[in-house]
Amino acid sequence: MVNDPIALSLEKRKLWRRAATRWTDLLTSRELTTSEMEWVLARKEYCLRKVQRTEQGSDASGLRGKDTFILSGYKAKLIN
C-alpha cells in the first residue's frame, strides 16, 4: 500500500477525479515497486469507477438546490 495523505484526503472528500489524477502523478514522481505500482493503479481505477457511479446517479441538469430553484423561476418568467 502506498500512503499518500493528499490522495486519501481527496477521496475522503469524494473528489474522485482529483484523487485519480493524484494517484497517476504518484506513478511517475516516486520510486515504486511493482506491487506498489499495481496498488496505485488499482486505487486510481477505484476512483474512476466512483466517478462513473456518481454521474449515473445525478439528475440530467447536474444542478441541485438553490441553482435549480433560480433556474426554475427563470423558466417560469420565460413561459409567462
Protein backbone atom coordinates (compact mmCIF):
# COMPACT_ATOMS: atom_id res chain seq x y z
CA MET A 1 0.00 0.00 0.00
CA VAL A 2 1.17 3.50 -0.83
CA ASN A 3 0.26 6.07 1.80
CA ASP A 4 -0.36 9.46 0.21
CA PRO A 5 -2.20 11.86 2.53
CA ILE A 6 -3.22 14.17 -0.32
CA ALA A 7 -4.85 11.44 -2.43
CA LEU A 8 -6.57 9.92 0.59
CA SER A 9 -7.86 13.34 1.65
CA LEU A 10 -9.29 13.90 -1.83
CA GLU A 11 -11.01 10.52 -1.68
CA LYS A 12 -12.42 11.29 1.75
CA ARG A 13 -13.97 14.48 0.32
CA LYS A 14 -15.32 12.48 -2.66
CA LEU A 15 -13.20 14.40 -5.16
CA TRP A 16 -12.77 11.28 -7.25
CA ARG A 17 -11.27 12.79 -10.42
CA ARG A 18 -8.70 14.78 -8.47
CA ALA A 19 -7.81 11.71 -6.42
CA ALA A 20 -7.38 9.62 -9.59
CA THR A 21 -5.12 12.32 -11.02
CA ARG A 22 -3.09 12.39 -7.82
CA TRP A 23 -2.64 8.61 -7.90
CA THR A 24 -1.50 8.88 -11.52
CA ASP A 25 1.01 11.58 -10.59
CA LEU A 26 2.46 9.32 -7.92
CA LEU A 27 3.31 6.71 -10.52
CA THR A 28 5.88 9.00 -12.11
CA SER A 29 7.01 11.04 -9.13
CA ARG A 30 8.23 8.25 -6.84
CA GLU A 31 10.31 5.11 -6.97
CA LEU A 32 7.70 2.38 -6.57
CA THR A 33 7.99 -1.37 -6.52
CA THR A 34 5.91 -3.40 -8.95
CA SER A 35 3.41 -4.31 -6.24
CA GLU A 36 3.11 -0.65 -5.18
CA MET A 37 2.54 0.39 -8.79
CA GLU A 38 -0.20 -2.23 -9.13
CA TRP A 39 -1.81 -0.99 -5.91
CA VAL A 40 -1.72 2.66 -7.09
CA LEU A 41 -3.23 1.71 -10.46
CA ALA A 42 -5.98 -0.26 -8.70
CA ARG A 43 -6.71 2.72 -6.45
CA LYS A 44 -6.87 5.03 -9.48
CA GLU A 45 -9.36 2.67 -11.16
CA TYR A 46 -11.41 2.57 -7.95
CA CYS A 47 -11.66 6.38 -8.00
CA LEU A 48 -12.65 6.41 -11.67
CA ARG A 49 -15.39 3.84 -11.02
CA LYS A 50 -16.70 6.09 -8.26
CA VAL A 51 -16.90 8.97 -10.75
CA GLN A 52 -18.99 6.87 -13.13
CA ARG A 53 -21.39 5.83 -10.36
CA THR A 54 -21.76 9.42 -9.21
CA GLU A 55 -22.54 10.62 -12.73
CA GLN A 56 -25.15 7.89 -13.25
CA GLY A 57 -26.91 8.87 -10.04
CA SER A 58 -27.13 12.60 -10.81
CA ASP A 59 -30.07 14.32 -12.43
CA ALA A 60 -29.95 15.39 -16.08
CA SER A 61 -29.22 19.04 -15.37
CA GLY A 62 -26.44 18.38 -12.90
CA LEU A 63 -27.81 21.20 -10.75
CA ARG A 64 -29.10 20.94 -7.23
CA GLY A 65 -30.57 23.13 -4.51
CA LYS A 66 -30.55 26.89 -4.92
CA ASP A 67 -29.35 26.80 -8.55
CA THR A 68 -32.28 24.61 -9.57
CA PHE A 69 -34.71 26.93 -7.79
CA ILE A 70 -33.28 30.01 -9.52
CA LEU A 71 -33.44 28.37 -12.92
CA SER A 72 -37.00 27.13 -12.38
CA GLY A 73 -38.03 30.70 -11.54
CA TYR A 74 -36.26 31.94 -14.68
CA LYS A 75 -38.07 29.34 -16.81
CA ALA A 76 -41.40 30.40 -15.32
CA LYS A 77 -40.71 34.01 -16.38
CA LEU A 78 -39.91 32.88 -19.91
CA ILE A 79 -43.10 30.83 -20.20
CA ASN A 80 -45.40 33.56 -18.88
